[in-house]
Structure formats: structure tokens, C-alpha cells
Amino acid sequence: MSKIVQISDWVQLHSRRMKKSELTPKQISVVPCPTCGVPAGKRCELHSGALRSEPHAGRKFAAFEDIEGKNRIHLVIDEC
């Protein structure tokens, strides 16, 4: 039988301190935009096809969630 133990206290504390507005443009661009559909690495677009000056809020949130998820550490401990 195994038990999953999350060792993420400091990661969660750090994540709470980090706000979506503190992400760099490079961090935001690593995820595709759920609003306009541009792939990772490309800038968000307006409906007209012109480039947006700021990424969509949904993309910022997705990037934050992606970074937070990668920072979680899971250990599997076998119980005898």
C-alpha cells in the first residue's frame, strides 16, 4: 500500500505571495491562450487579428496555474 505525501508548504506559501501580475511575459507565453487560441510562444490577438498589448486574463491565470502545478512535489512512500 502506498501513500502520497505532498511536500509543498513553502511552495504554497511562495505561490500565495506570487500574484498573476508578477509573472513575466516569458512565463505567461509558455501556455497557449484559452481565450484567443494562439499557441504557446505567440502573443495574444484581438478579434481583428491584430496583436494585443497585454495577454488575456485567462492566459495569465493558466500560466500561474501551470507554474504552481510544476512546483508541487509528490513523494510516494511504501507502507509495509
PDB file of N, CA and C in Angstrom:
ATOM      1  N   MET A   1       0.851  -1.169   0.000  1.00  0.00           N
ATOM      2  CA  MET A   1       0.000   0.000   0.000  1.00  0.00           C
ATOM      3  C   MET A   1       0.903   1.240   0.000  1.00  0.00           C
ATOM      4  N   SER A   2       0.528   2.241  -0.746  1.00  0.00           N
ATOM      5  CA  SER A   2       1.354   3.444  -0.782  1.00  0.00           C
ATOM      6  C   SER A   2       0.528   4.668  -0.425  1.00  0.00           C
ATOM      7  N   LYS A   3       1.207   5.662   0.038  1.00  0.00           N
ATOM      8  CA  LYS A   3       0.570   6.903   0.469  1.00  0.00           C
ATOM      9  C   LYS A   3       1.272   8.058  -0.226  1.00  0.00           C
ATOM     10  N   ILE A   4       0.497   8.951  -0.806  1.00  0.00           N
ATOM     11  CA  ILE A   4       1.087  10.111  -1.456  1.00  0.00           C
ATOM     12  C   ILE A   4       1.151  11.238  -0.443  1.00  0.00           C
ATOM     13  N   VAL A   5       2.340  11.754  -0.276  1.00  0.00           N
ATOM     14  CA  VAL A   5       2.560  12.836   0.662  1.00  0.00           C
ATOM     15  C   VAL A   5       3.017  14.056  -0.124  1.00  0.00           C
ATOM     16  N   GLN A   6       2.346  15.168   0.050  1.00  0.00           N
ATOM     17  CA  GLN A   6       2.759  16.396  -0.628  1.00  0.00           C
ATOM     18  C   GLN A   6       3.700  17.178   0.267  1.00  0.00           C
ATOM     19  N   ILE A   7       4.845  17.496  -0.283  1.00  0.00           N
ATOM     20  CA  ILE A   7       5.789  18.355   0.412  1.00  0.00           C
ATOM     21  C   ILE A   7       5.768  19.674  -0.333  1.00  0.00           C
ATOM     22  N   SER A   8       4.836  20.521   0.041  1.00  0.00           N
ATOM     23  CA  SER A   8       4.674  21.742  -0.735  1.00  0.00           C
ATOM     24  C   SER A   8       4.333  22.952   0.124  1.00  0.00           C
ATOM     25  N   ASP A   9       4.620  22.883   1.414  1.00  0.00           N
ATOM     26  CA  ASP A   9       4.267  24.007   2.272  1.00  0.00           C
ATOM     27  C   ASP A   9       4.924  25.306   1.824  1.00  0.00           C
ATOM     28  N   TRP A  10       6.233  25.278   1.608  1.00  0.00           N
ATOM     29  CA  TRP A  10       6.881  26.535   1.226  1.00  0.00           C
ATOM     30  C   TRP A  10       6.511  26.920  -0.189  1.00  0.00           C
ATOM     31  N   VAL A  11       6.248  25.922  -1.034  1.00  0.00           N
ATOM     32  CA  VAL A  11       5.837  26.219  -2.401  1.00  0.00           C
ATOM     33  C   VAL A  11       4.477  26.907  -2.397  1.00  0.00           C
ATOM     34  N   GLN A  12       3.553  26.398  -1.579  1.00  0.00           N
ATOM     35  CA  GLN A  12       2.233  27.020  -1.495  1.00  0.00           C
ATOM     36  C   GLN A  12       2.335  28.422  -0.917  1.00  0.00           C
ATOM     37  N   LEU A  13       3.186  28.600   0.078  1.00  0.00           N
ATOM     38  CA  LEU A  13       3.374  29.923   0.659  1.00  0.00           C
ATOM     39  C   LEU A  13       3.929  30.882  -0.394  1.00  0.00           C
ATOM     40  N   HIS A  14       4.925  30.412  -1.150  1.00  0.00           N
ATOM     41  CA  HIS A  14       5.500  31.237  -2.209  1.00  0.00           C
ATOM     42  C   HIS A  14       4.451  31.540  -3.279  1.00  0.00           C
ATOM     43  N   SER A  15       3.644  30.552  -3.633  1.00  0.00           N
ATOM     44  CA  SER A  15       2.618  30.746  -4.654  1.00  0.00           C
ATOM     45  C   SER A  15       1.576  31.757  -4.211  1.00  0.00           C
ATOM     46  N   ARG A  16       1.249  31.749  -2.937  1.00  0.00           N
ATOM     47  CA  ARG A  16       0.275  32.717  -2.446  1.00  0.00           C
ATOM     48  C   ARG A  16       0.826  34.130  -2.525  1.00  0.00           C
ATOM     49  N   ARG A  17       2.135  34.259  -2.332  1.00  0.00           N
ATOM     50  CA  ARG A  17       2.759  35.576  -2.401  1.00  0.00           C
ATOM     51  C   ARG A  17       2.876  36.047  -3.842  1.00  0.00           C
ATOM     52  N   MET A  18       3.075  35.100  -4.758  1.00  0.00           N
ATOM     53  CA  MET A  18       3.217  35.454  -6.161  1.00  0.00           C
ATOM     54  C   MET A  18       1.831  35.723  -6.743  1.00  0.00           C
ATOM     55  N   LYS A  19       1.674  36.822  -7.354  1.00  0.00           N
ATOM     56  CA  LYS A  19       0.409  37.166  -7.978  1.00  0.00           C
ATOM     57  C   LYS A  19       0.545  37.016  -9.489  1.00  0.00           C
ATOM     58  N   LYS A  20      -0.588  36.840 -10.161  1.00  0.00           N
ATOM     59  CA  LYS A  20      -0.568  36.690 -11.611  1.00  0.00           C
ATOM     60  C   LYS A  20       0.090  37.882 -12.285  1.00  0.00           C
ATOM     61  N   SER A  21      -0.030  39.059 -11.668  1.00  0.00           N
ATOM     62  CA  SER A  21       0.557  40.252 -12.266  1.00  0.00           C
ATOM     63  C   SER A  21       2.086  40.254 -12.169  1.00  0.00           C
ATOM     64  N   GLU A  22       2.653  39.402 -11.330  1.00  0.00           N
ATOM     65  CA  GLU A  22       4.099  39.347 -11.161  1.00  0.00           C
ATOM     66  C   GLU A  22       4.768  38.406 -12.154  1.00  0.00           C
ATOM     67  N   LEU A  23       4.002  37.715 -12.970  1.00  0.00           N
ATOM     68  CA  LEU A  23       4.583  36.828 -13.959  1.00  0.00           C
ATOM     69  C   LEU A  23       5.220  37.653 -15.071  1.00  0.00           C
ATOM     70  N   THR A  24       6.334  37.171 -15.565  1.00  0.00           N
ATOM     71  CA  THR A  24       6.997  37.854 -16.669  1.00  0.00           C
ATOM     72  C   THR A  24       6.288  37.500 -17.981  1.00  0.00           C
ATOM     73  N   PRO A  25       6.451  38.322 -19.005  1.00  0.00           N
ATOM     74  CA  PRO A  25       5.850  37.976 -20.303  1.00  0.00           C
ATOM     75  C   PRO A  25       6.297  36.603 -20.804  1.00  0.00           C
ATOM     76  N   LYS A  26       7.541  36.235 -20.536  1.00  0.00           N
ATOM     77  CA  LYS A  26       8.045  34.926 -20.969  1.00  0.00           C
ATOM     78  C   LYS A  26       7.316  33.798 -20.240  1.00  0.00           C
ATOM     79  N   GLN A  27       7.073  33.963 -18.929  1.00  0.00           N
ATOM     80  CA  GLN A  27       6.351  32.951 -18.165  1.00  0.00           C
ATOM     81  C   GLN A  27       4.921  32.806 -18.672  1.00  0.00           C
ATOM     82  N   ILE A  28       4.298  33.915 -19.015  1.00  0.00           N
ATOM     83  CA  ILE A  28       2.914  33.882 -19.497  1.00  0.00           C
ATOM     84  C   ILE A  28       2.832  33.218 -20.863  1.00  0.00           C
ATOM     85  N   SER A  29       3.844  33.428 -21.693  1.00  0.00           N
ATOM     86  CA  SER A  29       3.778  32.914 -23.061  1.00  0.00           C
ATOM     87  C   SER A  29       4.057  31.418 -23.181  1.00  0.00           C
ATOM     88  N   VAL A  30       4.393  30.735 -22.089  1.00  0.00           N
ATOM     89  CA  VAL A  30       4.681  29.299 -22.175  1.00  0.00           C
ATOM     90  C   VAL A  30       3.417  28.452 -22.293  1.00  0.00           C
ATOM     91  N   VAL A  31       2.254  29.062 -22.110  1.00  0.00           N
ATOM     92  CA  VAL A  31       0.996  28.327 -22.248  1.00  0.00           C
ATOM     93  C   VAL A  31       0.195  28.914 -23.413  1.00  0.00           C
ATOM     94  N   PRO A  32      -0.604  28.086 -24.083  1.00  0.00           N
ATOM     95  CA  PRO A  32      -1.475  28.634 -25.128  1.00  0.00           C
ATOM     96  C   PRO A  32      -2.581  29.468 -24.491  1.00  0.00           C
ATOM     97  N   CYS A  33      -3.128  30.414 -25.237  1.00  0.00           N
ATOM     98  CA  CYS A  33      -4.183  31.271 -24.699  1.00  0.00           C
ATOM     99  C   CYS A  33      -5.542  30.592 -24.855  1.00  0.00           C
ATOM    100  N   PRO A  34      -6.261  30.381 -23.750  1.00  0.00           N
ATOM    101  CA  PRO A  34      -7.589  29.771 -23.853  1.00  0.00           C
ATOM    102  C   PRO A  34      -8.641  30.712 -24.430  1.00  0.00           C
ATOM    103  N   THR A  35      -8.350  32.007 -24.481  1.00  0.00           N
ATOM    104  CA  THR A  35      -9.322  32.988 -24.974  1.00  0.00           C
ATOM    105  C   THR A  35      -9.245  33.152 -26.487  1.00  0.00           C
ATOM    106  N   CYS A  36      -8.044  33.455 -27.006  1.00  0.00           N
ATOM    107  CA  CYS A  36      -7.931  33.705 -28.449  1.00  0.00           C
ATOM    108  C   CYS A  36      -7.353  32.517 -29.210  1.00  0.00           C
ATOM    109  N   GLY A  37      -6.835  31.512 -28.489  1.00  0.00           N
ATOM    110  CA  GLY A  37      -6.373  30.289 -29.130  1.00  0.00           C
ATOM    111  C   GLY A  37      -4.980  30.307 -29.717  1.00  0.00           C
ATOM    112  N   VAL A  38      -4.196  31.349 -29.473  1.00  0.00           N
ATOM    113  CA  VAL A  38      -2.832  31.358 -30.007  1.00  0.00           C
ATOM    114  C   VAL A  38      -1.989  30.315 -29.279  1.00  0.00           C
ATOM    115  N   PRO A  39      -1.047  29.692 -29.982  1.00  0.00           N
ATOM    116  CA  PRO A  39      -0.215  28.680 -29.328  1.00  0.00           C
ATOM    117  C   PRO A  39       0.812  29.303 -28.384  1.00  0.00           C
ATOM    118  N   ALA A  40       1.409  28.465 -27.578  1.00  0.00           N
ATOM    119  CA  ALA A  40       2.464  28.908 -26.670  1.00  0.00           C
ATOM    120  C   ALA A  40       3.574  29.567 -27.484  1.00  0.00           C
ATOM    121  N   GLY A  41       4.130  30.637 -26.944  1.00  0.00           N
ATOM    122  CA  GLY A  41       5.211  31.346 -27.605  1.00  0.00           C
ATOM    123  C   GLY A  41       4.752  32.493 -28.492  1.00  0.00           C
ATOM    124  N   LYS A  42       3.457  32.586 -28.767  1.00  0.00           N
ATOM    125  CA  LYS A  42       2.911  33.661 -29.604  1.00  0.00           C
ATOM    126  C   LYS A  42       2.150  34.649 -28.735  1.00  0.00           C
ATOM    127  N   ARG A  43       2.058  35.908 -29.207  1.00  0.00           N
ATOM    128  CA  ARG A  43       1.314  36.939 -28.477  1.00  0.00           C
ATOM    129  C   ARG A  43      -0.180  36.791 -28.718  1.00  0.00           C
ATOM    130  N   CYS A  44      -0.962  37.202 -27.731  1.00  0.00           N
ATOM    131  CA  CYS A  44      -2.421  37.174 -27.858  1.00  0.00           C
ATOM    132  C   CYS A  44      -2.868  38.122 -28.964  1.00  0.00           C
ATOM    133  N   GLU A  45      -4.012  37.794 -29.555  1.00  0.00           N
ATOM    134  CA  GLU A  45      -4.548  38.582 -30.655  1.00  0.00           C
ATOM    135  C   GLU A  45      -5.921  39.149 -30.315  1.00  0.00           C
ATOM    136  N   LEU A  46      -6.230  40.255 -30.970  1.00  0.00           N
ATOM    137  CA  LEU A  46      -7.572  40.828 -30.922  1.00  0.00           C
ATOM    138  C   LEU A  46      -8.452  40.059 -31.907  1.00  0.00           C
ATOM    139  N   HIS A  47      -9.765  40.270 -31.846  1.00  0.00           N
ATOM    140  CA  HIS A  47     -10.667  39.625 -32.794  1.00  0.00           C
ATOM    141  C   HIS A  47     -10.334  39.990 -34.233  1.00  0.00           C
ATOM    142  N   SER A  48      -9.779  41.178 -34.425  1.00  0.00           N
ATOM    143  CA  SER A  48      -9.417  41.638 -35.767  1.00  0.00           C
ATOM    144  C   SER A  48      -8.147  40.972 -36.290  1.00  0.00           C
ATOM    145  N   GLY A  49      -7.427  40.271 -35.422  1.00  0.00           N
ATOM    146  CA  GLY A  49      -6.173  39.622 -35.798  1.00  0.00           C
ATOM    147  C   GLY A  49      -4.942  40.420 -35.418  1.00  0.00           C
ATOM    148  N   ALA A  50      -5.145  41.673 -34.993  1.00  0.00           N
ATOM    149  CA  ALA A  50      -4.012  42.492 -34.539  1.00  0.00           C
ATOM    150  C   ALA A  50      -3.504  41.970 -33.197  1.00  0.00           C
ATOM    151  N   LEU A  51      -2.241  42.220 -32.908  1.00  0.00           N
ATOM    152  CA  LEU A  51      -1.653  41.762 -31.648  1.00  0.00           C
ATOM    153  C   LEU A  51      -2.154  42.611 -30.485  1.00  0.00           C
ATOM    154  N   ARG A  52      -2.424  41.958 -29.368  1.00  0.00           N
ATOM    155  CA  ARG A  52      -2.829  42.666 -28.149  1.00  0.00           C
ATOM    156  C   ARG A  52      -1.595  43.211 -27.437  1.00  0.00           C
ATOM    157  N   SER A  53      -1.776  44.320 -26.725  1.00  0.00           N
ATOM    158  CA  SER A  53      -0.657  44.876 -25.955  1.00  0.00           C
ATOM    159  C   SER A  53      -0.442  44.089 -24.665  1.00  0.00           C
ATOM    160  N   GLU A  54      -1.484  43.461 -24.154  1.00  0.00           N
ATOM    161  CA  GLU A  54      -1.426  42.653 -22.927  1.00  0.00           C
ATOM    162  C   GLU A  54      -2.018  41.275 -23.210  1.00  0.00           C
ATOM    163  N   PRO A  55      -1.508  40.225 -22.567  1.00  0.00           N
ATOM    164  CA  PRO A  55      -2.134  38.911 -22.716  1.00  0.00           C
ATOM    165  C   PRO A  55      -3.526  38.902 -22.074  1.00  0.00           C
ATOM    166  N   HIS A  56      -4.380  38.000 -22.528  1.00  0.00           N
ATOM    167  CA  HIS A  56      -5.704  37.852 -21.932  1.00  0.00           C
ATOM    168  C   HIS A  56      -5.574  37.404 -20.473  1.00  0.00           C
ATOM    169  N   ALA A  57      -6.539  37.764 -19.652  1.00  0.00           N
ATOM    170  CA  ALA A  57      -6.527  37.389 -18.227  1.00  0.00           C
ATOM    171  C   ALA A  57      -6.538  35.875 -18.060  1.00  0.00           C
ATOM    172  N   GLY A  58      -7.274  35.180 -18.914  1.00  0.00           N
ATOM    173  CA  GLY A  58      -7.320  33.715 -18.846  1.00  0.00           C
ATOM    174  C   GLY A  58      -5.963  33.080 -19.078  1.00  0.00           C
ATOM    175  N   ARG A  59      -5.163  33.683 -19.929  1.00  0.00           N
ATOM    176  CA  ARG A  59      -3.818  33.160 -20.189  1.00  0.00           C
ATOM    177  C   ARG A  59      -2.913  33.392 -18.996  1.00  0.00           C
ATOM    178  N   LYS A  60      -3.049  34.546 -18.362  1.00  0.00           N
ATOM    179  CA  LYS A  60      -2.258  34.818 -17.152  1.00  0.00           C
ATOM    180  C   LYS A  60      -2.596  33.797 -16.067  1.00  0.00           C
ATOM    181  N   PHE A  61      -3.886  33.524 -15.909  1.00  0.00           N
ATOM    182  CA  PHE A  61      -4.317  32.558 -14.906  1.00  0.00           C
ATOM    183  C   PHE A  61      -3.801  31.163 -15.254  1.00  0.00           C
ATOM    184  N   ALA A  62      -3.884  30.774 -16.513  1.00  0.00           N
ATOM    185  CA  ALA A  62      -3.405  29.455 -16.937  1.00  0.00           C
ATOM    186  C   ALA A  62      -1.900  29.314 -16.694  1.00  0.00           C
ATOM    187  N   ALA A  63      -1.144  30.374 -16.962  1.00  0.00           N
ATOM    188  CA  ALA A  63       0.302  30.345 -16.735  1.00  0.00           C
ATOM    189  C   ALA A  63       0.612  30.212 -15.250  1.00  0.00           C
ATOM    190  N   PHE A  64      -0.134  30.944 -14.425  1.00  0.00           N
ATOM    191  CA  PHE A  64       0.056  30.866 -12.982  1.00  0.00           C
ATOM    192  C   PHE A  64      -0.233  29.449 -12.485  1.00  0.00           C
ATOM    193  N   GLU A  65      -1.333  28.867 -12.952  1.00  0.00           N
ATOM    194  CA  GLU A  65      -1.691  27.502 -12.556  1.00  0.00           C
ATOM    195  C   GLU A  65      -0.638  26.505 -13.027  1.00  0.00           C
ATOM    196  N   ASP A  66      -0.096  26.696 -14.226  1.00  0.00           N
ATOM    197  CA  ASP A  66       0.919  25.807 -14.769  1.00  0.00           C
ATOM    198  C   ASP A  66       2.188  25.857 -13.918  1.00  0.00           C
ATOM    199  N   ILE A  67       2.620  27.056 -13.582  1.00  0.00           N
ATOM    200  CA  ILE A  67       3.826  27.222 -12.758  1.00  0.00           C
ATOM    201  C   ILE A  67       3.603  26.641 -11.369  1.00  0.00           C
ATOM    202  N   GLU A  68       2.447  26.917 -10.788  1.00  0.00           N
ATOM    203  CA  GLU A  68       2.143  26.403  -9.454  1.00  0.00           C
ATOM    204  C   GLU A  68       2.114  24.883  -9.453  1.00  0.00           C
ATOM    205  N   GLY A  69       1.541  24.279 -10.487  1.00  0.00           N
ATOM    206  CA  GLY A  69       1.464  22.824 -10.587  1.00  0.00           C
ATOM    207  C   GLY A  69       2.822  22.174 -10.737  1.00  0.00           C
ATOM    208  N   LYS A  70       3.728  22.812 -11.461  1.00  0.00           N
ATOM    209  CA  LYS A  70       5.069  22.260 -11.648  1.00  0.00           C
ATOM    210  C   LYS A  70       5.900  22.352 -10.388  1.00  0.00           C
ATOM    211  N   ASN A  71       5.559  23.262  -9.484  1.00  0.00           N
ATOM    212  CA  ASN A  71       6.332  23.445  -8.259  1.00  0.00           C
ATOM    213  C   ASN A  71       5.921  22.497  -7.142  1.00  0.00           C
ATOM    214  N   ARG A  72       4.845  21.758  -7.332  1.00  0.00           N
ATOM    215  CA  ARG A  72       4.419  20.808  -6.300  1.00  0.00           C
ATOM    216  C   ARG A  72       5.274  19.558  -6.372  1.00  0.00           C
ATOM    217  N   ILE A  73       5.632  19.052  -5.220  1.00  0.00           N
ATOM    218  CA  ILE A  73       6.462  17.852  -5.141  1.00  0.00           C
ATOM    219  C   ILE A  73       5.633  16.759  -4.481  1.00  0.00           C
ATOM    220  N   HIS A  74       5.582  15.602  -5.124  1.00  0.00           N
ATOM    221  CA  HIS A  74       4.848  14.476  -4.576  1.00  0.00           C
ATOM    222  C   HIS A  74       5.832  13.342  -4.314  1.00  0.00           C
ATOM    223  N   LEU A  75       5.743  12.748  -3.148  1.00  0.00           N
ATOM    224  CA  LEU A  75       6.550  11.597  -2.820  1.00  0.00           C
ATOM    225  C   LEU A  75       5.629  10.405  -2.587  1.00  0.00           C
ATOM    226  N   VAL A  76       6.054   9.253  -3.044  1.00  0.00           N
ATOM    227  CA  VAL A  76       5.299   8.039  -2.794  1.00  0.00           C
ATOM    228  C   VAL A  76       6.079   7.245  -1.749  1.00  0.00           C
ATOM    229  N   ILE A  77       5.423   6.962  -0.641  1.00  0.00           N
ATOM    230  CA  ILE A  77       6.047   6.239   0.448  1.00  0.00           C
ATOM    231  C   ILE A  77       5.345   4.901   0.586  1.00  0.00           C
ATOM    232  N   ASP A  78       6.116   3.828   0.494  1.00  0.00           N
ATOM    233  CA  ASP A  78       5.542   2.483   0.650  1.00  0.00           C
ATOM    234  C   ASP A  78       5.407   2.182   2.125  1.00  0.00           C
ATOM    235  N   GLU A  79       4.207   1.705   2.474  1.00  0.00           N
ATOM    236  CA  GLU A  79       3.968   1.301   3.859  1.00  0.00           C
ATOM    237  C   GLU A  79       3.963  -0.213   3.897  1.00  0.00           C
ATOM    238  N   CYS A  80       4.639  -0.781   4.863  1.00  0.00           N
ATOM    239  CA  CYS A  80       4.703  -2.237   4.990  1.00  0.00           C
ATOM    240  C   CYS A  80       3.607  -2.748   5.868  1.00  0.00           C
TER     241      CYS A  80
END
